[in-house]
Protein backbone atom coordinates (compact mmCIF):
# COMPACT_ATOMS: atom_id res chain seq x y z
CA UNK A 1 0.00 0.00 0.00
CA UNK A 2 2.78 2.42 0.74
CA UNK A 3 4.04 3.98 3.95
CA UNK A 4 1.41 6.73 4.24
CA UNK A 5 -1.53 4.49 3.38
CA UNK A 6 -0.25 1.81 5.78
CA UNK A 7 -0.09 4.39 8.57
CA UNK A 8 -3.60 5.61 7.75
CA UNK A 9 -4.92 2.04 7.77
CA UNK A 10 -3.29 1.35 11.14
CA UNK A 11 -4.84 4.51 12.60
CA UNK A 12 -8.28 3.66 11.17
CA UNK A 13 -8.04 0.16 12.64
CA UNK A 14 -7.01 1.57 16.01
CA UNK A 15 -9.93 4.02 16.07
CA UNK A 16 -12.36 1.30 14.97
CA UNK A 17 -11.16 -0.99 17.77
CA UNK A 18 -11.59 1.82 20.32
CA UNK A 19 -15.13 2.57 19.15
CA UNK A 20 -16.03 -1.12 19.21
CA UNK A 21 -14.56 -1.55 22.70
CA UNK A 22 -16.53 1.52 23.85
CA UNK A 23 -19.73 -0.23 22.79
CA UNK A 24 -20.53 2.19 19.96
CA UNK A 25 -23.03 0.92 17.40
CA UNK A 26 -22.21 3.45 14.66
CA UNK A 27 -18.86 4.73 13.44
CA UNK A 28 -18.54 7.57 10.94
CA UNK A 29 -15.06 7.87 9.46
CA UNK A 30 -13.55 10.24 6.90
CA UNK A 31 -10.93 8.81 4.57
CA UNK A 32 -8.83 11.12 2.37
CA UNK A 33 -6.68 9.98 -0.54
CA UNK A 34 -4.48 12.00 -2.86
CA UNK A 35 -5.48 11.59 -6.46
CA UNK A 36 -3.16 12.50 -9.30
CA UNK A 37 -5.91 12.35 -11.91
CA UNK A 38 -9.45 12.52 -10.60
CA UNK A 39 -10.86 11.84 -14.07
CA UNK A 40 -9.23 8.42 -14.34
CA UNK A 41 -10.96 5.19 -13.44
CA UNK A 42 -8.70 3.10 -11.22
CA UNK A 43 -8.62 1.16 -7.97
CA UNK A 44 -8.35 3.27 -4.83
CA UNK A 45 -6.04 0.87 -3.02
CA UNK A 46 -5.28 3.25 -0.16
CA UNK A 47 -8.97 3.70 0.58
CA UNK A 48 -9.64 -0.03 0.28
CA UNK A 49 -6.94 -0.84 2.81
CA UNK A 50 -8.29 1.68 5.28
CA UNK A 51 -11.88 0.43 4.92
CA UNK A 52 -10.65 -3.15 5.38
CA UNK A 53 -8.82 -2.09 8.54
CA UNK A 54 -12.09 -0.79 10.00
CA UNK A 55 -14.14 -3.79 8.88
CA UNK A 56 -11.61 -6.22 10.37
CA UNK A 57 -12.42 -4.76 13.79
CA UNK A 58 -16.09 -5.76 13.89
CA UNK A 59 -17.65 -3.12 11.62
CA UNK A 60 -19.49 -3.33 8.30
CA UNK A 61 -19.66 -0.49 5.78
CA UNK A 62 -23.28 0.61 5.56
CA UNK A 63 -23.28 3.88 3.59
CA UNK A 64 -20.70 6.02 1.84
CA UNK A 65 -20.54 9.50 0.29
CA UNK A 66 -17.68 10.87 -1.80
CA UNK A 67 -16.44 14.34 -2.55
CA UNK A 68 -13.56 15.75 -4.48
CA UNK A 69 -11.65 18.93 -3.87
CA UNK A 70 -8.50 20.82 -4.64
CA UNK A 71 -6.23 22.17 -1.95
CA UNK A 72 -2.81 23.75 -2.13
CA UNK A 73 -1.34 20.26 -2.03
CA UNK A 74 -3.34 18.95 -5.03
CA UNK A 75 -6.49 17.03 -5.70
CA UNK A 76 -8.03 15.01 -2.91
CA UNK A 77 -10.86 12.53 -2.75
CA UNK A 78 -12.71 12.16 0.54
CA UNK A 79 -15.00 9.31 1.47
CA UNK A 80 -17.32 9.71 4.42
CA UNK A 81 -18.23 6.20 5.52
CA UNK A 82 -20.90 5.05 7.93
CA UNK A 83 -20.08 1.74 9.57
CA UNK A 84 -22.37 -0.32 11.77
CA UNK A 85 -21.38 -3.06 14.19
CA UNK A 86 -21.52 -6.50 12.70
CA UNK A 87 -24.46 -8.48 14.06
PDB file of N, CA and C in Angstrom:
ATOM      1  N   UNK A   1       0.812  -1.202   0.000  1.00  0.00           N
ATOM      2  CA  UNK A   1       0.000   0.000   0.000  1.00  0.00           C
ATOM      3  C   UNK A   1       0.850   1.258   0.000  1.00  0.00           C
ATOM      4  N   UNK A   2       1.984   1.215   0.597  1.00  0.00           N
ATOM      5  CA  UNK A   2       2.782   2.421   0.741  1.00  0.00           C
ATOM      6  C   UNK A   2       2.782   2.882   2.180  1.00  0.00           C
ATOM      7  N   UNK A   3       3.845   3.568   2.558  1.00  0.00           N
ATOM      8  CA  UNK A   3       4.041   3.977   3.946  1.00  0.00           C
ATOM      9  C   UNK A   3       2.874   4.816   4.483  1.00  0.00           C
ATOM     10  N   UNK A   4       2.471   5.834   3.749  1.00  0.00           N
ATOM     11  CA  UNK A   4       1.414   6.731   4.238  1.00  0.00           C
ATOM     12  C   UNK A   4       0.087   5.995   4.349  1.00  0.00           C
ATOM     13  N   UNK A   5      -0.272   5.224   3.323  1.00  0.00           N
ATOM     14  CA  UNK A   5      -1.532   4.490   3.382  1.00  0.00           C
ATOM     15  C   UNK A   5      -1.515   3.422   4.459  1.00  0.00           C
ATOM     16  N   UNK A   6      -0.365   2.782   4.687  1.00  0.00           N
ATOM     17  CA  UNK A   6      -0.255   1.809   5.780  1.00  0.00           C
ATOM     18  C   UNK A   6      -0.494   2.483   7.131  1.00  0.00           C
ATOM     19  N   UNK A   7       0.093   3.652   7.315  1.00  0.00           N
ATOM     20  CA  UNK A   7      -0.088   4.391   8.570  1.00  0.00           C
ATOM     21  C   UNK A   7      -1.541   4.800   8.752  1.00  0.00           C
ATOM     22  N   UNK A   8      -2.182   5.235   7.672  1.00  0.00           N
ATOM     23  CA  UNK A   8      -3.600   5.613   7.752  1.00  0.00           C
ATOM     24  C   UNK A   8      -4.470   4.403   8.082  1.00  0.00           C
ATOM     25  N   UNK A   9      -4.161   3.254   7.495  1.00  0.00           N
ATOM     26  CA  UNK A   9      -4.924   2.039   7.773  1.00  0.00           C
ATOM     27  C   UNK A   9      -4.745   1.611   9.223  1.00  0.00           C
ATOM     28  N   UNK A  10      -3.520   1.703   9.737  1.00  0.00           N
ATOM     29  CA  UNK A  10      -3.286   1.349  11.142  1.00  0.00           C
ATOM     30  C   UNK A  10      -4.066   2.261  12.077  1.00  0.00           C
ATOM     31  N   UNK A  11      -4.094   3.558  11.767  1.00  0.00           N
ATOM     32  CA  UNK A  11      -4.841   4.509  12.602  1.00  0.00           C
ATOM     33  C   UNK A  11      -6.341   4.241  12.526  1.00  0.00           C
ATOM     34  N   UNK A  12      -6.843   3.961  11.325  1.00  0.00           N
ATOM     35  CA  UNK A  12      -8.277   3.660  11.165  1.00  0.00           C
ATOM     36  C   UNK A  12      -8.638   2.407  11.960  1.00  0.00           C
ATOM     37  N   UNK A  13      -7.792   1.387  11.880  1.00  0.00           N
ATOM     38  CA  UNK A  13      -8.044   0.165  12.636  1.00  0.00           C
ATOM     39  C   UNK A  13      -8.037   0.406  14.132  1.00  0.00           C
ATOM     40  N   UNK A  14      -7.098   1.227  14.583  1.00  0.00           N
ATOM     41  CA  UNK A  14      -7.008   1.565  16.010  1.00  0.00           C
ATOM     42  C   UNK A  14      -8.274   2.285  16.478  1.00  0.00           C
ATOM     43  N   UNK A  15      -8.710   3.270  15.706  1.00  0.00           N
ATOM     44  CA  UNK A  15      -9.925   4.015  16.073  1.00  0.00           C
ATOM     45  C   UNK A  15     -11.161   3.121  16.041  1.00  0.00           C
ATOM     46  N   UNK A  16     -11.220   2.218  15.069  1.00  0.00           N
ATOM     47  CA  UNK A  16     -12.357   1.300  14.969  1.00  0.00           C
ATOM     48  C   UNK A  16     -12.403   0.368  16.181  1.00  0.00           C
ATOM     49  N   UNK A  17     -11.236  -0.131  16.586  1.00  0.00           N
ATOM     50  CA  UNK A  17     -11.161  -0.988  17.771  1.00  0.00           C
ATOM     51  C   UNK A  17     -11.638  -0.249  19.011  1.00  0.00           C
ATOM     52  N   UNK A  18     -11.192   1.015  19.158  1.00  0.00           N
ATOM     53  CA  UNK A  18     -11.591   1.816  20.323  1.00  0.00           C
ATOM     54  C   UNK A  18     -13.108   2.022  20.345  1.00  0.00           C
ATOM     55  N   UNK A  19     -13.685   2.352  19.203  1.00  0.00           N
ATOM     56  CA  UNK A  19     -15.133   2.570  19.146  1.00  0.00           C
ATOM     57  C   UNK A  19     -15.883   1.285  19.460  1.00  0.00           C
ATOM     58  N   UNK A  20     -15.391   0.164  18.945  1.00  0.00           N
ATOM     59  CA  UNK A  20     -16.026  -1.121  19.215  1.00  0.00           C
ATOM     60  C   UNK A  20     -15.941  -1.450  20.701  1.00  0.00           C
ATOM     61  N   UNK A  21     -14.761  -1.263  21.277  1.00  0.00           N
ATOM     62  CA  UNK A  21     -14.564  -1.545  22.698  1.00  0.00           C
ATOM     63  C   UNK A  21     -15.400  -0.631  23.589  1.00  0.00           C
ATOM     64  N   UNK A  22     -15.676   0.586  23.105  1.00  0.00           N
ATOM     65  CA  UNK A  22     -16.527   1.525  23.852  1.00  0.00           C
ATOM     66  C   UNK A  22     -18.001   1.162  23.775  1.00  0.00           C
ATOM     67  N   UNK A  23     -18.342   0.190  22.926  1.00  0.00           N
ATOM     68  CA  UNK A  23     -19.730  -0.227  22.790  1.00  0.00           C
ATOM     69  C   UNK A  23     -20.522   0.602  21.786  1.00  0.00           C
ATOM     70  N   UNK A  24     -19.834   1.397  20.975  1.00  0.00           N
ATOM     71  CA  UNK A  24     -20.533   2.191  19.958  1.00  0.00           C
ATOM     72  C   UNK A  24     -21.192   1.268  18.948  1.00  0.00           C
ATOM     73  N   UNK A  25     -22.331   1.694  18.414  1.00  0.00           N
ATOM     74  CA  UNK A  25     -23.033   0.921  17.396  1.00  0.00           C
ATOM     75  C   UNK A  25     -22.864   1.514  16.007  1.00  0.00           C
ATOM     76  N   UNK A  26     -22.421   2.763  15.934  1.00  0.00           N
ATOM     77  CA  UNK A  26     -22.215   3.455  14.662  1.00  0.00           C
ATOM     78  C   UNK A  26     -20.848   4.129  14.709  1.00  0.00           C
ATOM     79  N   UNK A  27     -20.142   4.054  13.588  1.00  0.00           N
ATOM     80  CA  UNK A  27     -18.862   4.728  13.445  1.00  0.00           C
ATOM     81  C   UNK A  27     -18.880   5.472  12.119  1.00  0.00           C
ATOM     82  N   UNK A  28     -18.655   6.768  12.159  1.00  0.00           N
ATOM     83  CA  UNK A  28     -18.537   7.575  10.941  1.00  0.00           C
ATOM     84  C   UNK A  28     -17.074   7.959  10.814  1.00  0.00           C
ATOM     85  N   UNK A  29     -16.498   7.656   9.652  1.00  0.00           N
ATOM     86  CA  UNK A  29     -15.064   7.872   9.461  1.00  0.00           C
ATOM     87  C   UNK A  29     -14.831   8.560   8.130  1.00  0.00           C
ATOM     88  N   UNK A  30     -13.908   9.524   8.125  1.00  0.00           N
ATOM     89  CA  UNK A  30     -13.551  10.238   6.897  1.00  0.00           C
ATOM     90  C   UNK A  30     -12.193   9.743   6.424  1.00  0.00           C
ATOM     91  N   UNK A  31     -12.164   9.259   5.200  1.00  0.00           N
ATOM     92  CA  UNK A  31     -10.928   8.807   4.571  1.00  0.00           C
ATOM     93  C   UNK A  31     -10.562   9.809   3.478  1.00  0.00           C
ATOM     94  N   UNK A  32      -9.293  10.181   3.395  1.00  0.00           N
ATOM     95  CA  UNK A  32      -8.830  11.116   2.365  1.00  0.00           C
ATOM     96  C   UNK A  32      -7.681  10.465   1.614  1.00  0.00           C
ATOM     97  N   UNK A  33      -7.745  10.529   0.291  1.00  0.00           N
ATOM     98  CA  UNK A  33      -6.679   9.976  -0.536  1.00  0.00           C
ATOM     99  C   UNK A  33      -6.277  10.987  -1.597  1.00  0.00           C
ATOM    100  N   UNK A  34      -4.980  11.150  -1.774  1.00  0.00           N
ATOM    101  CA  UNK A  34      -4.484  11.996  -2.857  1.00  0.00           C
ATOM    102  C   UNK A  34      -4.800  11.318  -4.174  1.00  0.00           C
ATOM    103  N   UNK A  35      -5.094  12.123  -5.162  1.00  0.00           N
ATOM    104  CA  UNK A  35      -5.481  11.588  -6.465  1.00  0.00           C
ATOM    105  C   UNK A  35      -4.769  12.405  -7.534  1.00  0.00           C
ATOM    106  N   UNK A  36      -3.918  11.755  -8.296  1.00  0.00           N
ATOM    107  CA  UNK A  36      -3.163  12.497  -9.304  1.00  0.00           C
ATOM    108  C   UNK A  36      -4.009  12.837 -10.516  1.00  0.00           C
ATOM    109  N   UNK A  37      -5.034  12.061 -10.773  1.00  0.00           N
ATOM    110  CA  UNK A  37      -5.911  12.345 -11.910  1.00  0.00           C
ATOM    111  C   UNK A  37      -7.320  11.916 -11.553  1.00  0.00           C
ATOM    112  N   UNK A  38      -8.117  12.842 -11.092  1.00  0.00           N
ATOM    113  CA  UNK A  38      -9.453  12.519 -10.605  1.00  0.00           C
ATOM    114  C   UNK A  38     -10.377  12.047 -11.712  1.00  0.00           C
ATOM    115  N   UNK A  39     -10.004  12.251 -12.957  1.00  0.00           N
ATOM    116  CA  UNK A  39     -10.859  11.842 -14.071  1.00  0.00           C
ATOM    117  C   UNK A  39     -10.629  10.389 -14.474  1.00  0.00           C
ATOM    118  N   UNK A  40      -9.562   9.790 -13.962  1.00  0.00           N
ATOM    119  CA  UNK A  40      -9.227   8.419 -14.338  1.00  0.00           C
ATOM    120  C   UNK A  40     -10.030   7.412 -13.519  1.00  0.00           C
ATOM    121  N   UNK A  41     -10.331   6.299 -14.133  1.00  0.00           N
ATOM    122  CA  UNK A  41     -10.961   5.189 -13.439  1.00  0.00           C
ATOM    123  C   UNK A  41      -9.856   4.232 -13.015  1.00  0.00           C
ATOM    124  N   UNK A  42      -9.766   3.963 -11.727  1.00  0.00           N
ATOM    125  CA  UNK A  42      -8.700   3.103 -11.223  1.00  0.00           C
ATOM    126  C   UNK A  42      -9.024   2.669  -9.795  1.00  0.00           C
ATOM    127  N   UNK A  43      -8.424   1.583  -9.354  1.00  0.00           N
ATOM    128  CA  UNK A  43      -8.624   1.158  -7.967  1.00  0.00           C
ATOM    129  C   UNK A  43      -8.108   2.223  -6.995  1.00  0.00           C
ATOM    130  N   UNK A  44      -8.785   2.363  -5.905  1.00  0.00           N
ATOM    131  CA  UNK A  44      -8.346   3.267  -4.832  1.00  0.00           C
ATOM    132  C   UNK A  44      -7.799   2.378  -3.717  1.00  0.00           C
ATOM    133  N   UNK A  45      -6.597   1.867  -3.930  1.00  0.00           N
ATOM    134  CA  UNK A  45      -6.041   0.868  -3.024  1.00  0.00           C
ATOM    135  C   UNK A  45      -5.829   1.400  -1.616  1.00  0.00           C
ATOM    136  N   UNK A  46      -5.460   2.673  -1.493  1.00  0.00           N
ATOM    137  CA  UNK A  46      -5.278   3.247  -0.161  1.00  0.00           C
ATOM    138  C   UNK A  46      -6.584   3.277   0.611  1.00  0.00           C
ATOM    139  N   UNK A  47      -7.648   3.670  -0.058  1.00  0.00           N
ATOM    140  CA  UNK A  47      -8.967   3.704   0.576  1.00  0.00           C
ATOM    141  C   UNK A  47      -9.416   2.294   0.950  1.00  0.00           C
ATOM    142  N   UNK A  48      -9.214   1.353   0.022  1.00  0.00           N
ATOM    143  CA  UNK A  48      -9.637  -0.025   0.275  1.00  0.00           C
ATOM    144  C   UNK A  48      -8.958  -0.587   1.521  1.00  0.00           C
ATOM    145  N   UNK A  49      -7.670  -0.344   1.650  1.00  0.00           N
ATOM    146  CA  UNK A  49      -6.942  -0.838   2.815  1.00  0.00           C
ATOM    147  C   UNK A  49      -7.446  -0.248   4.115  1.00  0.00           C
ATOM    148  N   UNK A  50      -7.794   1.026   4.072  1.00  0.00           N
ATOM    149  CA  UNK A  50      -8.294   1.684   5.283  1.00  0.00           C
ATOM    150  C   UNK A  50      -9.677   1.162   5.655  1.00  0.00           C
ATOM    151  N   UNK A  51     -10.540   0.978   4.658  1.00  0.00           N
ATOM    152  CA  UNK A  51     -11.881   0.432   4.923  1.00  0.00           C
ATOM    153  C   UNK A  51     -11.759  -0.992   5.457  1.00  0.00           C
ATOM    154  N   UNK A  52     -10.866  -1.786   4.885  1.00  0.00           N
ATOM    155  CA  UNK A  52     -10.653  -3.149   5.378  1.00  0.00           C
ATOM    156  C   UNK A  52     -10.153  -3.149   6.818  1.00  0.00           C
ATOM    157  N   UNK A  53      -9.328  -2.179   7.167  1.00  0.00           N
ATOM    158  CA  UNK A  53      -8.822  -2.091   8.539  1.00  0.00           C
ATOM    159  C   UNK A  53      -9.958  -1.846   9.523  1.00  0.00           C
ATOM    160  N   UNK A  54     -10.925  -1.034   9.135  1.00  0.00           N
ATOM    161  CA  UNK A  54     -12.089  -0.787  10.000  1.00  0.00           C
ATOM    162  C   UNK A  54     -12.961  -2.041  10.067  1.00  0.00           C
ATOM    163  N   UNK A  55     -13.257  -2.618   8.905  1.00  0.00           N
ATOM    164  CA  UNK A  55     -14.137  -3.792   8.879  1.00  0.00           C
ATOM    165  C   UNK A  55     -13.543  -4.983   9.620  1.00  0.00           C
ATOM    166  N   UNK A  56     -12.236  -5.091   9.680  1.00  0.00           N
ATOM    167  CA  UNK A  56     -11.608  -6.218  10.373  1.00  0.00           C
ATOM    168  C   UNK A  56     -11.714  -6.091  11.890  1.00  0.00           C
ATOM    169  N   UNK A  57     -12.250  -4.968  12.347  1.00  0.00           N
ATOM    170  CA  UNK A  57     -12.418  -4.759  13.787  1.00  0.00           C
ATOM    171  C   UNK A  57     -13.881  -4.781  14.206  1.00  0.00           C
ATOM    172  N   UNK A  58     -14.711  -5.534  13.471  1.00  0.00           N
ATOM    173  CA  UNK A  58     -16.087  -5.760  13.887  1.00  0.00           C
ATOM    174  C   UNK A  58     -17.120  -4.836  13.264  1.00  0.00           C
ATOM    175  N   UNK A  59     -16.741  -4.071  12.260  1.00  0.00           N
ATOM    176  CA  UNK A  59     -17.648  -3.118  11.618  1.00  0.00           C
ATOM    177  C   UNK A  59     -17.961  -3.551  10.194  1.00  0.00           C
ATOM    178  N   UNK A  60     -19.101  -3.068   9.675  1.00  0.00           N
ATOM    179  CA  UNK A  60     -19.491  -3.334   8.298  1.00  0.00           C
ATOM    180  C   UNK A  60     -19.899  -2.012   7.659  1.00  0.00           C
ATOM    181  N   UNK A  61     -19.331  -1.726   6.488  1.00  0.00           N
ATOM    182  CA  UNK A  61     -19.663  -0.495   5.778  1.00  0.00           C
ATOM    183  C   UNK A  61     -21.143  -0.513   5.416  1.00  0.00           C
ATOM    184  N   UNK A  62     -21.846   0.531   5.800  1.00  0.00           N
ATOM    185  CA  UNK A  62     -23.280   0.615   5.562  1.00  0.00           C
ATOM    186  C   UNK A  62     -23.612   1.627   4.474  1.00  0.00           C
ATOM    187  N   UNK A  63     -23.034   2.820   4.555  1.00  0.00           N
ATOM    188  CA  UNK A  63     -23.276   3.884   3.586  1.00  0.00           C
ATOM    189  C   UNK A  63     -21.976   4.640   3.350  1.00  0.00           C
ATOM    190  N   UNK A  64     -21.905   5.274   2.168  1.00  0.00           N
ATOM    191  CA  UNK A  64     -20.702   6.022   1.841  1.00  0.00           C
ATOM    192  C   UNK A  64     -21.080   7.200   0.949  1.00  0.00           C
ATOM    193  N   UNK A  65     -20.398   8.328   1.152  1.00  0.00           N
ATOM    194  CA  UNK A  65     -20.537   9.496   0.286  1.00  0.00           C
ATOM    195  C   UNK A  65     -19.131   9.929  -0.109  1.00  0.00           C
ATOM    196  N   UNK A  66     -18.996  10.452  -1.308  1.00  0.00           N
ATOM    197  CA  UNK A  66     -17.685  10.873  -1.797  1.00  0.00           C
ATOM    198  C   UNK A  66     -17.721  12.327  -2.208  1.00  0.00           C
ATOM    199  N   UNK A  67     -16.578  12.976  -2.044  1.00  0.00           N
ATOM    200  CA  UNK A  67     -16.440  14.342  -2.547  1.00  0.00           C
ATOM    201  C   UNK A  67     -15.017  14.519  -3.038  1.00  0.00           C
ATOM    202  N   UNK A  68     -14.849  15.498  -3.881  1.00  0.00           N
ATOM    203  CA  UNK A  68     -13.559  15.755  -4.481  1.00  0.00           C
ATOM    204  C   UNK A  68     -13.246  17.230  -4.315  1.00  0.00           C
ATOM    205  N   UNK A  69     -12.011  17.534  -4.028  1.00  0.00           N
ATOM    206  CA  UNK A  69     -11.646  18.933  -3.866  1.00  0.00           C
ATOM    207  C   UNK A  69     -10.199  19.174  -4.214  1.00  0.00           C
ATOM    208  N   UNK A  70      -9.886  20.438  -4.372  1.00  0.00           N
ATOM    209  CA  UNK A  70      -8.498  20.821  -4.639  1.00  0.00           C
ATOM    210  C   UNK A  70      -8.028  21.695  -3.490  1.00  0.00           C
ATOM    211  N   UNK A  71      -6.874  21.376  -2.993  1.00  0.00           N
ATOM    212  CA  UNK A  71      -6.235  22.175  -1.951  1.00  0.00           C
ATOM    213  C   UNK A  71      -4.876  22.596  -2.488  1.00  0.00           C
ATOM    214  N   UNK A  72      -4.146  23.332  -1.700  1.00  0.00           N
ATOM    215  CA  UNK A  72      -2.811  23.753  -2.132  1.00  0.00           C
ATOM    216  C   UNK A  72      -1.911  22.565  -2.451  1.00  0.00           C
ATOM    217  N   UNK A  73      -2.184  21.435  -1.836  1.00  0.00           N
ATOM    218  CA  UNK A  73      -1.344  20.261  -2.033  1.00  0.00           C
ATOM    219  C   UNK A  73      -1.806  19.391  -3.192  1.00  0.00           C
ATOM    220  N   UNK A  74      -2.871  19.743  -3.882  1.00  0.00           N
ATOM    221  CA  UNK A  74      -3.337  18.954  -5.025  1.00  0.00           C
ATOM    222  C   UNK A  74      -4.734  18.429  -4.825  1.00  0.00           C
ATOM    223  N   UNK A  75      -5.145  17.577  -5.751  1.00  0.00           N
ATOM    224  CA  UNK A  75      -6.494  17.027  -5.704  1.00  0.00           C
ATOM    225  C   UNK A  75      -6.610  15.984  -4.599  1.00  0.00           C
ATOM    226  N   UNK A  76      -7.756  15.972  -3.983  1.00  0.00           N
ATOM    227  CA  UNK A  76      -8.035  15.014  -2.915  1.00  0.00           C
ATOM    228  C   UNK A  76      -9.423  14.441  -3.121  1.00  0.00           C
ATOM    229  N   UNK A  77      -9.565  13.185  -2.772  1.00  0.00           N
ATOM    230  CA  UNK A  77     -10.862  12.530  -2.754  1.00  0.00           C
ATOM    231  C   UNK A  77     -11.135  12.170  -1.305  1.00  0.00           C
ATOM    232  N   UNK A  78     -12.317  12.504  -0.827  1.00  0.00           N
ATOM    233  CA  UNK A  78     -12.707  12.160   0.538  1.00  0.00           C
ATOM    234  C   UNK A  78     -13.918  11.237   0.496  1.00  0.00           C
ATOM    235  N   UNK A  79     -13.859  10.194   1.291  1.00  0.00           N
ATOM    236  CA  UNK A  79     -15.000   9.310   1.467  1.00  0.00           C
ATOM    237  C   UNK A  79     -15.458   9.430   2.914  1.00  0.00           C
ATOM    238  N   UNK A  80     -16.725   9.714   3.086  1.00  0.00           N
ATOM    239  CA  UNK A  80     -17.324   9.707   4.417  1.00  0.00           C
ATOM    240  C   UNK A  80     -18.087   8.396   4.513  1.00  0.00           C
ATOM    241  N   UNK A  81     -17.671   7.544   5.434  1.00  0.00           N
ATOM    242  CA  UNK A  81     -18.225   6.196   5.525  1.00  0.00           C
ATOM    243  C   UNK A  81     -18.947   5.993   6.851  1.00  0.00           C
ATOM    244  N   UNK A  82     -20.123   5.419   6.750  1.00  0.00           N
ATOM    245  CA  UNK A  82     -20.904   5.054   7.928  1.00  0.00           C
ATOM    246  C   UNK A  82     -20.773   3.552   8.106  1.00  0.00           C
ATOM    247  N   UNK A  83     -20.223   3.155   9.233  1.00  0.00           N
ATOM    248  CA  UNK A  83     -20.075   1.736   9.573  1.00  0.00           C
ATOM    249  C   UNK A  83     -21.031   1.412  10.693  1.00  0.00           C
ATOM    250  N   UNK A  84     -21.539   0.202  10.671  1.00  0.00           N
ATOM    251  CA  UNK A  84     -22.372  -0.317  11.766  1.00  0.00           C
ATOM    252  C   UNK A  84     -21.714  -1.583  12.305  1.00  0.00           C
ATOM    253  N   UNK A  85     -21.939  -1.838  13.581  1.00  0.00           N
ATOM    254  CA  UNK A  85     -21.377  -3.056  14.188  1.00  0.00           C
ATOM    255  C   UNK A  85     -21.909  -4.266  13.463  1.00  0.00           C
ATOM    256  N   UNK A  86     -21.049  -5.240  13.289  1.00  0.00           N
ATOM    257  CA  UNK A  86     -21.518  -6.504  12.698  1.00  0.00           C
ATOM    258  C   UNK A  86     -22.457  -7.189  13.686  1.00  0.00           C
ATOM    259  N   UNK A  87     -23.516  -7.794  13.146  1.00  0.00           N
ATOM    260  CA  UNK A  87     -24.463  -8.484  14.058  1.00  0.00           C
ATOM    261  C   UNK A  87     -23.837  -9.697  14.721  1.00  0.00           C
TER     262      UNK A  87
END
